[in-house]
Amino acid sequence: MTTNTKNNTGIFWIILLASAVLEAVWATALGLSNGFTQLVPTVVFAITATLSMLGLGIAVKRIPLGTAYAVWVGIGAALTVGWAMVTGVEPASPLKLLFIAGIVGCAAGLKALPAEKPVAKAE
């Protein structure tokens, strides 16, 4: 494998981030679906949840699963809480904002780490 191919994970990170945004959309739609009794939020939930999972599945082809999942959940959760605060569904507070920034910072830190594959031990 050439160095260019090995390090060419940019599109997979973009797919992962798009999937995290879709996670926030489906989580919000889930809340609005009122237990899947409201048609439009239920349909939005089903479509975005499916697309979000597909994107995560594609991303883990080149991004380690643990890292991808942590980033996907962290960014999705931060966006979901952020949207809830912006729309007035949840109250905002300085501590909530600090902890959300921490989640985003940790996700960015995982992205910044070198993508090294573990070396199999010889028996």
PDB file of N, CA and C in Angstrom:
ATOM      1  N   MET A   1       0.848  -1.182   0.000  1.00  0.00           N
ATOM      2  CA  MET A   1       0.000   0.000   0.000  1.00  0.00           C
ATOM      3  C   MET A   1       0.888   1.237   0.000  1.00  0.00           C
ATOM      4  N   THR A   2       0.616   2.190  -0.836  1.00  0.00           N
ATOM      5  CA  THR A   2       1.434   3.393  -0.899  1.00  0.00           C
ATOM      6  C   THR A   2       1.114   4.306   0.270  1.00  0.00           C
ATOM      7  N   THR A   3       2.055   5.180   0.577  1.00  0.00           N
ATOM      8  CA  THR A   3       1.850   6.125   1.672  1.00  0.00           C
ATOM      9  C   THR A   3       0.631   6.997   1.412  1.00  0.00           C
ATOM     10  N   ASN A   4       0.441   7.419   0.166  1.00  0.00           N
ATOM     11  CA  ASN A   4      -0.691   8.269  -0.177  1.00  0.00           C
ATOM     12  C   ASN A   4      -2.017   7.570   0.120  1.00  0.00           C
ATOM     13  N   THR A   5      -2.141   6.295  -0.240  1.00  0.00           N
ATOM     14  CA  THR A   5      -3.370   5.551   0.005  1.00  0.00           C
ATOM     15  C   THR A   5      -3.561   5.310   1.495  1.00  0.00           C
ATOM     16  N   LYS A   6      -2.465   4.979   2.201  1.00  0.00           N
ATOM     17  CA  LYS A   6      -2.537   4.672   3.621  1.00  0.00           C
ATOM     18  C   LYS A   6      -3.008   5.880   4.434  1.00  0.00           C
ATOM     19  N   ASN A   7      -2.561   7.060   4.066  1.00  0.00           N
ATOM     20  CA  ASN A   7      -2.899   8.263   4.820  1.00  0.00           C
ATOM     21  C   ASN A   7      -4.117   8.994   4.267  1.00  0.00           C
ATOM     22  N   ASN A   8      -4.728   8.481   3.223  1.00  0.00           N
ATOM     23  CA  ASN A   8      -5.852   9.149   2.583  1.00  0.00           C
ATOM     24  C   ASN A   8      -7.156   8.817   3.309  1.00  0.00           C
ATOM     25  N   THR A   9      -7.307   9.336   4.528  1.00  0.00           N
ATOM     26  CA  THR A   9      -8.511   9.073   5.307  1.00  0.00           C
ATOM     27  C   THR A   9      -9.435  10.279   5.370  1.00  0.00           C
ATOM     28  N   GLY A  10      -9.068  11.370   4.696  1.00  0.00           N
ATOM     29  CA  GLY A  10      -9.850  12.607   4.783  1.00  0.00           C
ATOM     30  C   GLY A  10     -11.319  12.426   4.451  1.00  0.00           C
ATOM     31  N   ILE A  11     -11.623  11.723   3.375  1.00  0.00           N
ATOM     32  CA  ILE A  11     -13.025  11.536   2.989  1.00  0.00           C
ATOM     33  C   ILE A  11     -13.765  10.707   4.035  1.00  0.00           C
ATOM     34  N   PHE A  12     -13.065   9.778   4.683  1.00  0.00           N
ATOM     35  CA  PHE A  12     -13.696   8.959   5.711  1.00  0.00           C
ATOM     36  C   PHE A  12     -14.015   9.785   6.955  1.00  0.00           C
ATOM     37  N   TRP A  13     -13.151  10.766   7.260  1.00  0.00           N
ATOM     38  CA  TRP A  13     -13.448  11.680   8.369  1.00  0.00           C
ATOM     39  C   TRP A  13     -14.632  12.578   8.024  1.00  0.00           C
ATOM     40  N   ILE A  14     -14.719  13.017   6.788  1.00  0.00           N
ATOM     41  CA  ILE A  14     -15.863  13.842   6.372  1.00  0.00           C
ATOM     42  C   ILE A  14     -17.153  13.031   6.479  1.00  0.00           C
ATOM     43  N   ILE A  15     -17.101  11.781   6.034  1.00  0.00           N
ATOM     44  CA  ILE A  15     -18.280  10.909   6.140  1.00  0.00           C
ATOM     45  C   ILE A  15     -18.643  10.702   7.600  1.00  0.00           C
ATOM     46  N   LEU A  16     -17.638  10.502   8.448  1.00  0.00           N
ATOM     47  CA  LEU A  16     -17.895  10.316   9.876  1.00  0.00           C
ATOM     48  C   LEU A  16     -18.548  11.551  10.493  1.00  0.00           C
ATOM     49  N   LEU A  17     -18.036  12.732  10.162  1.00  0.00           N
ATOM     50  CA  LEU A  17     -18.618  13.963  10.712  1.00  0.00           C
ATOM     51  C   LEU A  17     -20.047  14.178  10.200  1.00  0.00           C
ATOM     52  N   ALA A  18     -20.286  13.885   8.928  1.00  0.00           N
ATOM     53  CA  ALA A  18     -21.648  13.986   8.388  1.00  0.00           C
ATOM     54  C   ALA A  18     -22.566  13.007   9.108  1.00  0.00           C
ATOM     55  N   SER A  19     -22.058  11.819   9.400  1.00  0.00           N
ATOM     56  CA  SER A  19     -22.848  10.819  10.123  1.00  0.00           C
ATOM     57  C   SER A  19     -23.155  11.275  11.543  1.00  0.00           C
ATOM     58  N   ALA A  20     -22.218  11.985  12.158  1.00  0.00           N
ATOM     59  CA  ALA A  20     -22.440  12.515  13.508  1.00  0.00           C
ATOM     60  C   ALA A  20     -23.512  13.600  13.483  1.00  0.00           C
ATOM     61  N   VAL A  21     -23.505  14.425  12.450  1.00  0.00           N
ATOM     62  CA  VAL A  21     -24.561  15.439  12.303  1.00  0.00           C
ATOM     63  C   VAL A  21     -25.909  14.743  12.137  1.00  0.00           C
ATOM     64  N   LEU A  22     -25.940  13.701  11.313  1.00  0.00           N
ATOM     65  CA  LEU A  22     -27.184  12.946  11.129  1.00  0.00           C
ATOM     66  C   LEU A  22     -27.627  12.283  12.428  1.00  0.00           C
ATOM     67  N   GLU A  23     -26.665  11.896  13.273  1.00  0.00           N
ATOM     68  CA  GLU A  23     -27.036  11.339  14.582  1.00  0.00           C
ATOM     69  C   GLU A  23     -27.800  12.372  15.399  1.00  0.00           C
ATOM     70  N   ALA A  24     -27.341  13.604  15.370  1.00  0.00           N
ATOM     71  CA  ALA A  24     -28.036  14.668  16.102  1.00  0.00           C
ATOM     72  C   ALA A  24     -29.431  14.893  15.523  1.00  0.00           C
ATOM     73  N   VAL A  25     -29.551  14.797  14.204  1.00  0.00           N
ATOM     74  CA  VAL A  25     -30.865  14.966  13.568  1.00  0.00           C
ATOM     75  C   VAL A  25     -31.793  13.846  13.993  1.00  0.00           C
ATOM     76  N   TRP A  26     -31.315  12.591  13.940  1.00  0.00           N
ATOM     77  CA  TRP A  26     -32.227  11.503  14.296  1.00  0.00           C
ATOM     78  C   TRP A  26     -32.565  11.504  15.777  1.00  0.00           C
ATOM     79  N   ALA A  27     -31.632  11.906  16.615  1.00  0.00           N
ATOM     80  CA  ALA A  27     -31.930  11.981  18.048  1.00  0.00           C
ATOM     81  C   ALA A  27     -32.990  13.044  18.325  1.00  0.00           C
ATOM     82  N   THR A  28     -32.875  14.178  17.655  1.00  0.00           N
ATOM     83  CA  THR A  28     -33.877  15.238  17.806  1.00  0.00           C
ATOM     84  C   THR A  28     -35.229  14.790  17.263  1.00  0.00           C
ATOM     85  N   ALA A  29     -35.211  14.152  16.094  1.00  0.00           N
ATOM     86  CA  ALA A  29     -36.467  13.648  15.505  1.00  0.00           C
ATOM     87  C   ALA A  29     -37.097  12.593  16.398  1.00  0.00           C
ATOM     88  N   LEU A  30     -36.273  11.764  17.024  1.00  0.00           N
ATOM     89  CA  LEU A  30     -36.793  10.755  17.942  1.00  0.00           C
ATOM     90  C   LEU A  30     -37.563  11.414  19.083  1.00  0.00           C
ATOM     91  N   GLY A  31     -36.996  12.475  19.630  1.00  0.00           N
ATOM     92  CA  GLY A  31     -37.686  13.201  20.699  1.00  0.00           C
ATOM     93  C   GLY A  31     -38.993  13.827  20.234  1.00  0.00           C
ATOM     94  N   LEU A  32     -39.004  14.311  18.996  1.00  0.00           N
ATOM     95  CA  LEU A  32     -40.204  14.946  18.454  1.00  0.00           C
ATOM     96  C   LEU A  32     -41.260  13.948  17.978  1.00  0.00           C
ATOM     97  N   SER A  33     -40.868  12.675  17.840  1.00  0.00           N
ATOM     98  CA  SER A  33     -41.800  11.677  17.307  1.00  0.00           C
ATOM     99  C   SER A  33     -42.875  11.259  18.298  1.00  0.00           C
ATOM    100  N   ASN A  34     -42.702  11.636  19.555  1.00  0.00           N
ATOM    101  CA  ASN A  34     -43.671  11.308  20.593  1.00  0.00           C
ATOM    102  C   ASN A  34     -43.944   9.802  20.615  1.00  0.00           C
ATOM    103  N   GLY A  35     -42.864   9.030  20.750  1.00  0.00           N
ATOM    104  CA  GLY A  35     -43.014   7.579  20.788  1.00  0.00           C
ATOM    105  C   GLY A  35     -43.424   6.992  19.450  1.00  0.00           C
ATOM    106  N   PHE A  36     -42.953   7.582  18.359  1.00  0.00           N
ATOM    107  CA  PHE A  36     -43.247   7.170  16.991  1.00  0.00           C
ATOM    108  C   PHE A  36     -44.727   7.329  16.625  1.00  0.00           C
ATOM    109  N   THR A  37     -45.381   8.299  17.256  1.00  0.00           N
ATOM    110  CA  THR A  37     -46.796   8.556  16.928  1.00  0.00           C
ATOM    111  C   THR A  37     -46.964   9.729  15.972  1.00  0.00           C
ATOM    112  N   GLN A  38     -45.902  10.499  15.749  1.00  0.00           N
ATOM    113  CA  GLN A  38     -45.946  11.628  14.823  1.00  0.00           C
ATOM    114  C   GLN A  38     -45.234  11.217  13.538  1.00  0.00           C
ATOM    115  N   LEU A  39     -45.938  11.256  12.409  1.00  0.00           N
ATOM    116  CA  LEU A  39     -45.430  10.705  11.157  1.00  0.00           C
ATOM    117  C   LEU A  39     -44.141  11.364  10.676  1.00  0.00           C
ATOM    118  N   VAL A  40     -44.132  12.680  10.528  1.00  0.00           N
ATOM    119  CA  VAL A  40     -42.968  13.349   9.927  1.00  0.00           C
ATOM    120  C   VAL A  40     -41.700  13.130  10.766  1.00  0.00           C
ATOM    121  N   PRO A  41     -41.717  13.379  12.082  1.00  0.00           N
ATOM    122  CA  PRO A  41     -40.492  13.114  12.846  1.00  0.00           C
ATOM    123  C   PRO A  41     -40.083  11.633  12.823  1.00  0.00           C
ATOM    124  N   THR A  42     -41.043  10.734  12.766  1.00  0.00           N
ATOM    125  CA  THR A  42     -40.731   9.309  12.705  1.00  0.00           C
ATOM    126  C   THR A  42     -40.034   8.961  11.399  1.00  0.00           C
ATOM    127  N   VAL A  43     -40.496   9.516  10.296  1.00  0.00           N
ATOM    128  CA  VAL A  43     -39.869   9.276   8.992  1.00  0.00           C
ATOM    129  C   VAL A  43     -38.473   9.896   8.959  1.00  0.00           C
ATOM    130  N   VAL A  44     -38.347  11.123   9.483  1.00  0.00           N
ATOM    131  CA  VAL A  44     -37.028  11.771   9.545  1.00  0.00           C
ATOM    132  C   VAL A  44     -36.086  10.925  10.397  1.00  0.00           C
ATOM    133  N   PHE A  45     -36.567  10.431  11.513  1.00  0.00           N
ATOM    134  CA  PHE A  45     -35.761   9.561  12.368  1.00  0.00           C
ATOM    135  C   PHE A  45     -35.278   8.334  11.595  1.00  0.00           C
ATOM    136  N   ALA A  46     -36.190   7.636  10.934  1.00  0.00           N
ATOM    137  CA  ALA A  46     -35.838   6.389  10.244  1.00  0.00           C
ATOM    138  C   ALA A  46     -34.807   6.629   9.142  1.00  0.00           C
ATOM    139  N   ILE A  47     -35.000   7.672   8.367  1.00  0.00           N
ATOM    140  CA  ILE A  47     -34.077   7.956   7.255  1.00  0.00           C
ATOM    141  C   ILE A  47     -32.713   8.377   7.775  1.00  0.00           C
ATOM    142  N   THR A  48     -32.685   9.322   8.718  1.00  0.00           N
ATOM    143  CA  THR A  48     -31.396   9.836   9.191  1.00  0.00           C
ATOM    144  C   THR A  48     -30.653   8.812  10.047  1.00  0.00           C
ATOM    145  N   ALA A  49     -31.374   7.983  10.803  1.00  0.00           N
ATOM    146  CA  ALA A  49     -30.709   6.937  11.584  1.00  0.00           C
ATOM    147  C   ALA A  49     -30.044   5.933  10.648  1.00  0.00           C
ATOM    148  N   THR A  50     -30.745   5.563   9.589  1.00  0.00           N
ATOM    149  CA  THR A  50     -30.180   4.625   8.619  1.00  0.00           C
ATOM    150  C   THR A  50     -28.942   5.221   7.944  1.00  0.00           C
ATOM    151  N   LEU A  51     -29.054   6.460   7.473  1.00  0.00           N
ATOM    152  CA  LEU A  51     -27.914   7.103   6.806  1.00  0.00           C
ATOM    153  C   LEU A  51     -26.734   7.298   7.764  1.00  0.00           C
ATOM    154  N   SER A  52     -27.043   7.633   9.013  1.00  0.00           N
ATOM    155  CA  SER A  52     -26.001   7.838  10.004  1.00  0.00           C
ATOM    156  C   SER A  52     -25.237   6.544  10.268  1.00  0.00           C
ATOM    157  N   MET A  53     -25.964   5.442  10.405  1.00  0.00           N
ATOM    158  CA  MET A  53     -25.317   4.149  10.638  1.00  0.00           C
ATOM    159  C   MET A  53     -24.514   3.703   9.414  1.00  0.00           C
ATOM    160  N   LEU A  54     -25.048   3.932   8.228  1.00  0.00           N
ATOM    161  CA  LEU A  54     -24.312   3.584   7.009  1.00  0.00           C
ATOM    162  C   LEU A  54     -23.006   4.376   6.928  1.00  0.00           C
ATOM    163  N   GLY A  55     -23.081   5.656   7.231  1.00  0.00           N
ATOM    164  CA  GLY A  55     -21.878   6.484   7.215  1.00  0.00           C
ATOM    165  C   GLY A  55     -20.844   6.014   8.226  1.00  0.00           C
ATOM    166  N   LEU A  56     -21.297   5.664   9.416  1.00  0.00           N
ATOM    167  CA  LEU A  56     -20.382   5.145  10.434  1.00  0.00           C
ATOM    168  C   LEU A  56     -19.731   3.854   9.935  1.00  0.00           C
ATOM    169  N   GLY A  57     -20.530   3.000   9.318  1.00  0.00           N
ATOM    170  CA  GLY A  57     -19.998   1.750   8.775  1.00  0.00           C
ATOM    171  C   GLY A  57     -18.946   1.987   7.705  1.00  0.00           C
ATOM    172  N   ILE A  58     -19.164   2.970   6.862  1.00  0.00           N
ATOM    173  CA  ILE A  58     -18.180   3.306   5.824  1.00  0.00           C
ATOM    174  C   ILE A  58     -16.921   3.892   6.460  1.00  0.00           C
ATOM    175  N   ALA A  59     -17.101   4.767   7.443  1.00  0.00           N
ATOM    176  CA  ALA A  59     -15.959   5.432   8.077  1.00  0.00           C
ATOM    177  C   ALA A  59     -15.013   4.449   8.748  1.00  0.00           C
ATOM    178  N   VAL A  60     -15.554   3.378   9.330  1.00  0.00           N
ATOM    179  CA  VAL A  60     -14.683   2.444  10.056  1.00  0.00           C
ATOM    180  C   VAL A  60     -13.870   1.555   9.114  1.00  0.00           C
ATOM    181  N   LYS A  61     -14.041   1.734   7.810  1.00  0.00           N
ATOM    182  CA  LYS A  61     -13.162   1.040   6.869  1.00  0.00           C
ATOM    183  C   LYS A  61     -11.734   1.574   6.981  1.00  0.00           C
ATOM    184  N   ARG A  62     -11.587   2.851   7.347  1.00  0.00           N
ATOM    185  CA  ARG A  62     -10.249   3.463   7.421  1.00  0.00           C
ATOM    186  C   ARG A  62      -9.956   4.114   8.766  1.00  0.00           C
ATOM    187  N   ILE A  63     -10.959   4.323   9.585  1.00  0.00           N
ATOM    188  CA  ILE A  63     -10.758   4.932  10.900  1.00  0.00           C
ATOM    189  C   ILE A  63     -10.984   3.833  11.933  1.00  0.00           C
ATOM    190  N   PRO A  64     -10.086   3.679  12.902  1.00  0.00           N
ATOM    191  CA  PRO A  64     -10.281   2.631  13.908  1.00  0.00           C
ATOM    192  C   PRO A  64     -11.657   2.746  14.572  1.00  0.00           C
ATOM    193  N   LEU A  65     -12.297   1.600  14.785  1.00  0.00           N
ATOM    194  CA  LEU A  65     -13.665   1.561  15.304  1.00  0.00           C
ATOM    195  C   LEU A  65     -13.829   2.356  16.596  1.00  0.00           C
ATOM    196  N   GLY A  66     -12.947   2.146  17.557  1.00  0.00           N
ATOM    197  CA  GLY A  66     -13.081   2.850  18.835  1.00  0.00           C
ATOM    198  C   GLY A  66     -13.029   4.356  18.671  1.00  0.00           C
ATOM    199  N   THR A  67     -12.111   4.823  17.854  1.00  0.00           N
ATOM    200  CA  THR A  67     -11.986   6.256  17.593  1.00  0.00           C
ATOM    201  C   THR A  67     -13.207   6.770  16.852  1.00  0.00           C
ATOM    202  N   ALA A  68     -13.610   6.065  15.799  1.00  0.00           N
ATOM    203  CA  ALA A  68     -14.753   6.504  14.997  1.00  0.00           C
ATOM    204  C   ALA A  68     -16.014   6.565  15.846  1.00  0.00           C
ATOM    205  N   TYR A  69     -16.240   5.537  16.649  1.00  0.00           N
ATOM    206  CA  TYR A  69     -17.451   5.501  17.459  1.00  0.00           C
ATOM    207  C   TYR A  69     -17.453   6.616  18.502  1.00  0.00           C
ATOM    208  N   ALA A  70     -16.307   6.837  19.140  1.00  0.00           N
ATOM    209  CA  ALA A  70     -16.221   7.901  20.147  1.00  0.00           C
ATOM    210  C   ALA A  70     -16.478   9.269  19.524  1.00  0.00           C
ATOM    211  N   VAL A  71     -15.908   9.517  18.360  1.00  0.00           N
ATOM    212  CA  VAL A  71     -16.124  10.798  17.674  1.00  0.00           C
ATOM    213  C   VAL A  71     -17.579  10.918  17.248  1.00  0.00           C
ATOM    214  N   TRP A  72     -18.149   9.865  16.682  1.00  0.00           N
ATOM    215  CA  TRP A  72     -19.542   9.857  16.209  1.00  0.00           C
ATOM    216  C   TRP A  72     -20.502  10.164  17.358  1.00  0.00           C
ATOM    217  N   VAL A  73     -20.341   9.457  18.458  1.00  0.00           N
ATOM    218  CA  VAL A  73     -21.215   9.666  19.621  1.00  0.00           C
ATOM    219  C   VAL A  73     -20.981  11.046  20.235  1.00  0.00           C
ATOM    220  N   GLY A  74     -19.720  11.421  20.394  1.00  0.00           N
ATOM    221  CA  GLY A  74     -19.409  12.698  21.049  1.00  0.00           C
ATOM    222  C   GLY A  74     -19.933  13.891  20.276  1.00  0.00           C
ATOM    223  N   ILE A  75     -19.648  13.933  18.985  1.00  0.00           N
ATOM    224  CA  ILE A  75     -20.116  15.056  18.165  1.00  0.00           C
ATOM    225  C   ILE A  75     -21.635  15.039  18.066  1.00  0.00           C
ATOM    226  N   GLY A  76     -22.208  13.862  17.867  1.00  0.00           N
ATOM    227  CA  GLY A  76     -23.679  13.762  17.796  1.00  0.00           C
ATOM    228  C   GLY A  76     -24.348  14.229  19.081  1.00  0.00           C
ATOM    229  N   ALA A  77     -23.800  13.805  20.210  1.00  0.00           N
ATOM    230  CA  ALA A  77     -24.372  14.212  21.507  1.00  0.00           C
ATOM    231  C   ALA A  77     -24.214  15.711  21.734  1.00  0.00           C
ATOM    232  N   ALA A  78     -23.042  16.243  21.419  1.00  0.00           N
ATOM    233  CA  ALA A  78     -22.812  17.676  21.605  1.00  0.00           C
ATOM    234  C   ALA A  78     -23.763  18.499  20.733  1.00  0.00           C
ATOM    235  N   LEU A  79     -23.943  18.081  19.496  1.00  0.00           N
ATOM    236  CA  LEU A  79     -24.871  18.804  18.619  1.00  0.00           C
ATOM    237  C   LEU A  79     -26.313  18.681  19.098  1.00  0.00           C
ATOM    238  N   THR A  80     -26.687  17.505  19.578  1.00  0.00           N
ATOM    239  CA  THR A  80     -28.052  17.306  20.072  1.00  0.00           C
ATOM    240  C   THR A  80     -28.336  18.204  21.269  1.00  0.00           C
ATOM    241  N   VAL A  81     -27.431  18.232  22.222  1.00  0.00           N
ATOM    242  CA  VAL A  81     -27.612  19.080  23.405  1.00  0.00           C
ATOM    243  C   VAL A  81     -27.548  20.551  23.014  1.00  0.00           C
ATOM    244  N   GLY A  82     -26.607  20.891  22.137  1.00  0.00           N
ATOM    245  CA  GLY A  82     -26.502  22.281  21.682  1.00  0.00           C
ATOM    246  C   GLY A  82     -27.786  22.755  21.012  1.00  0.00           C
ATOM    247  N   TRP A  83     -28.334  21.920  20.137  1.00  0.00           N
ATOM    248  CA  TRP A  83     -29.588  22.275  19.464  1.00  0.00           C
ATOM    249  C   TRP A  83     -30.731  22.415  20.470  1.00  0.00           C
ATOM    250  N   ALA A  84     -30.779  21.522  21.448  1.00  0.00           N
ATOM    251  CA  ALA A  84     -31.829  21.592  22.473  1.00  0.00           C
ATOM    252  C   ALA A  84     -31.721  22.890  23.272  1.00  0.00           C
ATOM    253  N   MET A  85     -30.510  23.341  23.528  1.00  0.00           N
ATOM    254  CA  MET A  85     -30.338  24.601  24.264  1.00  0.00           C
ATOM    255  C   MET A  85     -30.711  25.799  23.388  1.00  0.00           C
ATOM    256  N   VAL A  86     -30.298  25.768  22.120  1.00  0.00           N
ATOM    257  CA  VAL A  86     -30.602  26.883  21.207  1.00  0.00           C
ATOM    258  C   VAL A  86     -32.111  27.031  21.013  1.00  0.00           C
ATOM    259  N   THR A  87     -32.821  25.907  20.931  1.00  0.00           N
ATOM    260  CA  THR A  87     -34.267  25.948  20.691  1.00  0.00           C
ATOM    261  C   THR A  87     -35.082  26.087  21.978  1.00  0.00           C
ATOM    262  N   GLY A  88     -34.418  26.101  23.128  1.00  0.00           N
ATOM    263  CA  GLY A  88     -35.123  26.300  24.386  1.00  0.00           C
ATOM    264  C   GLY A  88     -35.714  25.038  24.987  1.00  0.00           C
ATOM    265  N   VAL A  89     -35.427  23.879  24.405  1.00  0.00           N
ATOM    266  CA  VAL A  89     -35.932  22.619  24.955  1.00  0.00           C
ATOM    267  C   VAL A  89     -35.208  22.289  26.257  1.00  0.00           C
ATOM    268  N   GLU A  90     -33.926  22.643  26.322  1.00  0.00           N
ATOM    269  CA  GLU A  90     -33.116  22.456  27.523  1.00  0.00           C
ATOM    270  C   GLU A  90     -32.523  23.800  27.911  1.00  0.00           C
ATOM    271  N   PRO A  91     -32.414  24.054  29.206  1.00  0.00           N
ATOM    272  CA  PRO A  91     -31.774  25.313  29.606  1.00  0.00           C
ATOM    273  C   PRO A  91     -30.259  25.252  29.373  1.00  0.00           C
ATOM    274  N   ALA A  92     -29.708  26.380  28.990  1.00  0.00           N
ATOM    275  CA  ALA A  92     -28.256  26.487  28.806  1.00  0.00           C
ATOM    276  C   ALA A  92     -27.632  26.937  30.120  1.00  0.00           C
ATOM    277  N   SER A  93     -26.407  26.530  30.329  1.00  0.00           N
ATOM    278  CA  SER A  93     -25.664  26.987  31.501  1.00  0.00           C
ATOM    279  C   SER A  93     -24.186  26.989  31.145  1.00  0.00           C
ATOM    280  N   PRO A  94     -23.413  27.794  31.851  1.00  0.00           N
ATOM    281  CA  PRO A  94     -21.974  27.815  31.568  1.00  0.00           C
ATOM    282  C   PRO A  94     -21.326  26.432  31.718  1.00  0.00           C
ATOM    283  N   LEU A  95     -21.751  25.652  32.712  1.00  0.00           N
ATOM    284  CA  LEU A  95     -21.162  24.330  32.900  1.00  0.00           C
ATOM    285  C   LEU A  95     -21.522  23.392  31.741  1.00  0.00           C
ATOM    286  N   LYS A  96     -22.768  23.447  31.265  1.00  0.00           N
ATOM    287  CA  LYS A  96     -23.140  22.622  30.112  1.00  0.00           C
ATOM    288  C   LYS A  96     -22.286  22.982  28.904  1.00  0.00           C
ATOM    289  N   LEU A  97     -22.114  24.268  28.675  1.00  0.00           N
ATOM    290  CA  LEU A  97     -21.298  24.706  27.544  1.00  0.00           C
ATOM    291  C   LEU A  97     -19.853  24.240  27.698  1.00  0.00           C
ATOM    292  N   LEU A  98     -19.316  24.294  28.911  1.00  0.00           N
ATOM    293  CA  LEU A  98     -17.953  23.837  29.171  1.00  0.00           C
ATOM    294  C   LEU A  98     -17.826  22.343  28.878  1.00  0.00           C
ATOM    295  N   PHE A  99     -18.797  21.551  29.348  1.00  0.00           N
ATOM    296  CA  PHE A  99     -18.720  20.110  29.137  1.00  0.00           C
ATOM    297  C   PHE A  99     -18.925  19.735  27.673  1.00  0.00           C
ATOM    298  N   ILE A 100     -19.778  20.461  26.974  1.00  0.00           N
ATOM    299  CA  ILE A 100     -19.943  20.217  25.534  1.00  0.00           C
ATOM    300  C   ILE A 100     -18.646  20.550  24.806  1.00  0.00           C
ATOM    301  N   ALA A 101     -18.019  21.644  25.178  1.00  0.00           N
ATOM    302  CA  ALA A 101     -16.726  21.990  24.579  1.00  0.00           C
ATOM    303  C   ALA A 101     -15.697  20.899  24.866  1.00  0.00           C
ATOM    304  N   GLY A 102     -15.771  20.307  26.040  1.00  0.00           N
ATOM    305  CA  GLY A 102     -14.873  19.201  26.377  1.00  0.00           C
ATOM    306  C   GLY A 102     -15.093  17.995  25.489  1.00  0.00           C
ATOM    307  N   ILE A 103     -16.354  17.674  25.215  1.00  0.00           N
ATOM    308  CA  ILE A 103     -16.664  16.554  24.325  1.00  0.00           C
ATOM    309  C   ILE A 103     -16.095  16.818  22.935  1.00  0.00           C
ATOM    310  N   VAL A 104     -16.334  18.011  22.423  1.00  0.00           N
ATOM    311  CA  VAL A 104     -15.839  18.361  21.086  1.00  0.00           C
ATOM    312  C   VAL A 104     -14.309  18.361  21.076  1.00  0.00           C
ATOM    313  N   GLY A 105     -13.707  18.879  22.137  1.00  0.00           N
ATOM    314  CA  GLY A 105     -12.249  18.890  22.226  1.00  0.00           C
ATOM    315  C   GLY A 105     -11.665  17.487  22.263  1.00  0.00           C
ATOM    316  N   CYS A 106     -12.312  16.591  22.977  1.00  0.00           N
ATOM    317  CA  CYS A 106     -11.836  15.201  23.022  1.00  0.00           C
ATOM    318  C   CYS A 106     -11.970  14.539  21.653  1.00  0.00           C
ATOM    319  N   ALA A 107     -13.071  14.798  20.954  1.00  0.00           N
ATOM    320  CA  ALA A 107     -13.252  14.243  19.607  1.00  0.00           C
ATOM    321  C   ALA A 107     -12.168  14.775  18.671  1.00  0.00           C
ATOM    322  N   ALA A 108     -11.864  16.061  18.771  1.00  0.00           N
ATOM    323  CA  ALA A 108     -10.810  16.651  17.940  1.00  0.00           C
ATOM    324  C   ALA A 108      -9.455  16.053  18.302  1.00  0.00           C
ATOM    325  N   GLY A 109      -9.235  15.789  19.575  1.00  0.00           N
ATOM    326  CA  GLY A 109      -7.987  15.163  20.002  1.00  0.00           C
ATOM    327  C   GLY A 109      -7.823  13.771  19.427  1.00  0.00           C
ATOM    328  N   LEU A 110      -8.901  13.001  19.396  1.00  0.00           N
ATOM    329  CA  LEU A 110      -8.838  11.668  18.792  1.00  0.00           C
ATOM    330  C   LEU A 110      -8.499  11.758  17.307  1.00  0.00           C
ATOM    331  N   LYS A 111      -9.053  12.751  16.635  1.00  0.00           N
ATOM    332  CA  LYS A 111      -8.768  12.948  15.211  1.00  0.00           C
ATOM    333  C   LYS A 111      -7.302  13.303  15.009  1.00  0.00           C
ATOM    334  N   ALA A 112      -6.745  14.047  15.931  1.00  0.00           N
ATOM    335  CA  ALA A 112      -5.372  14.524  15.788  1.00  0.00           C
ATOM    336  C   ALA A 112      -4.323  13.439  16.047  1.00  0.00           C
ATOM    337  N   LEU A 113      -4.713  12.366  16.724  1.00  0.00           N
ATOM    338  CA  LEU A 113      -3.754  11.304  17.005  1.00  0.00           C
ATOM    339  C   LEU A 113      -3.322  10.612  15.719  1.00  0.00           C
ATOM    340  N   PRO A 114      -2.083  10.124  15.684  1.00  0.00           N
ATOM    341  CA  PRO A 114      -1.641   9.399  14.487  1.00  0.00           C
ATOM    342  C   PRO A 114      -2.424   8.101  14.332  1.00  0.00           C
ATOM    343  N   ALA A 115      -2.754   7.760  13.106  1.00  0.00           N
ATOM    344  CA  ALA A 115      -3.521   6.550  12.808  1.00  0.00           C
ATOM    345  C   ALA A 115      -2.560   5.391  12.609  1.00  0.00           C
ATOM    346  N   GLU A 116      -2.201   4.748  13.701  1.00  0.00           N
ATOM    347  CA  GLU A 116      -1.278   3.619  13.624  1.00  0.00           C
ATOM    348  C   GLU A 116      -2.056   2.334  13.814  1.00  0.00           C
ATOM    349  N   LYS A 117      -1.731   1.359  13.014  1.00  0.00           N
ATOM    350  CA  LYS A 117      -2.323   0.032  13.142  1.00  0.00           C
ATOM    351  C   LYS A 117      -1.499  -0.760  14.153  1.00  0.00           C
ATOM    352  N   PRO A 118      -2.156  -1.526  15.033  1.00  0.00           N
ATOM    353  CA  PRO A 118      -1.387  -2.343  15.963  1.00  0.00           C
ATOM    354  C   PRO A 118      -0.615  -3.426  15.198  1.00  0.00           C
ATOM    355  N   VAL A 119       0.570  -3.713  15.678  1.00  0.00           N
ATOM    356  CA  VAL A 119       1.411  -4.726  15.055  1.00  0.00           C
ATOM    357  C   VAL A 119       1.103  -6.061  15.712  1.00  0.00           C
ATOM    358  N   ALA A 120       0.825  -7.075  14.886  1.00  0.00           N
ATOM    359  CA  ALA A 120       0.526  -8.404  15.416  1.00  0.00           C
ATOM    360  C   ALA A 120       1.792  -8.993  16.043  1.00  0.00           C
ATOM    361  N   LYS A 121       1.613  -9.611  17.188  1.00  0.00           N
ATOM    362  CA  LYS A 121       2.745 -10.228  17.880  1.00  0.00           C
ATOM    363  C   LYS A 121       3.068 -11.569  17.229  1.00  0.00           C
ATOM    364  N   ALA A 122       4.330 -11.822  17.043  1.00  0.00           N
ATOM    365  CA  ALA A 122       4.767 -13.117  16.498  1.00  0.00           C
ATOM    366  C   ALA A 122       4.740 -14.145  17.610  1.00  0.00           C
ATOM    367  N   GLU A 123       4.260 -15.320  17.292  1.00  0.00           N
ATOM    368  CA  GLU A 123       4.193 -16.368  18.313  1.00  0.00           C
ATOM    369  C   GLU A 123       5.343 -17.294  18.223  1.00  0.00           C
TER     370      GLU A 123
END
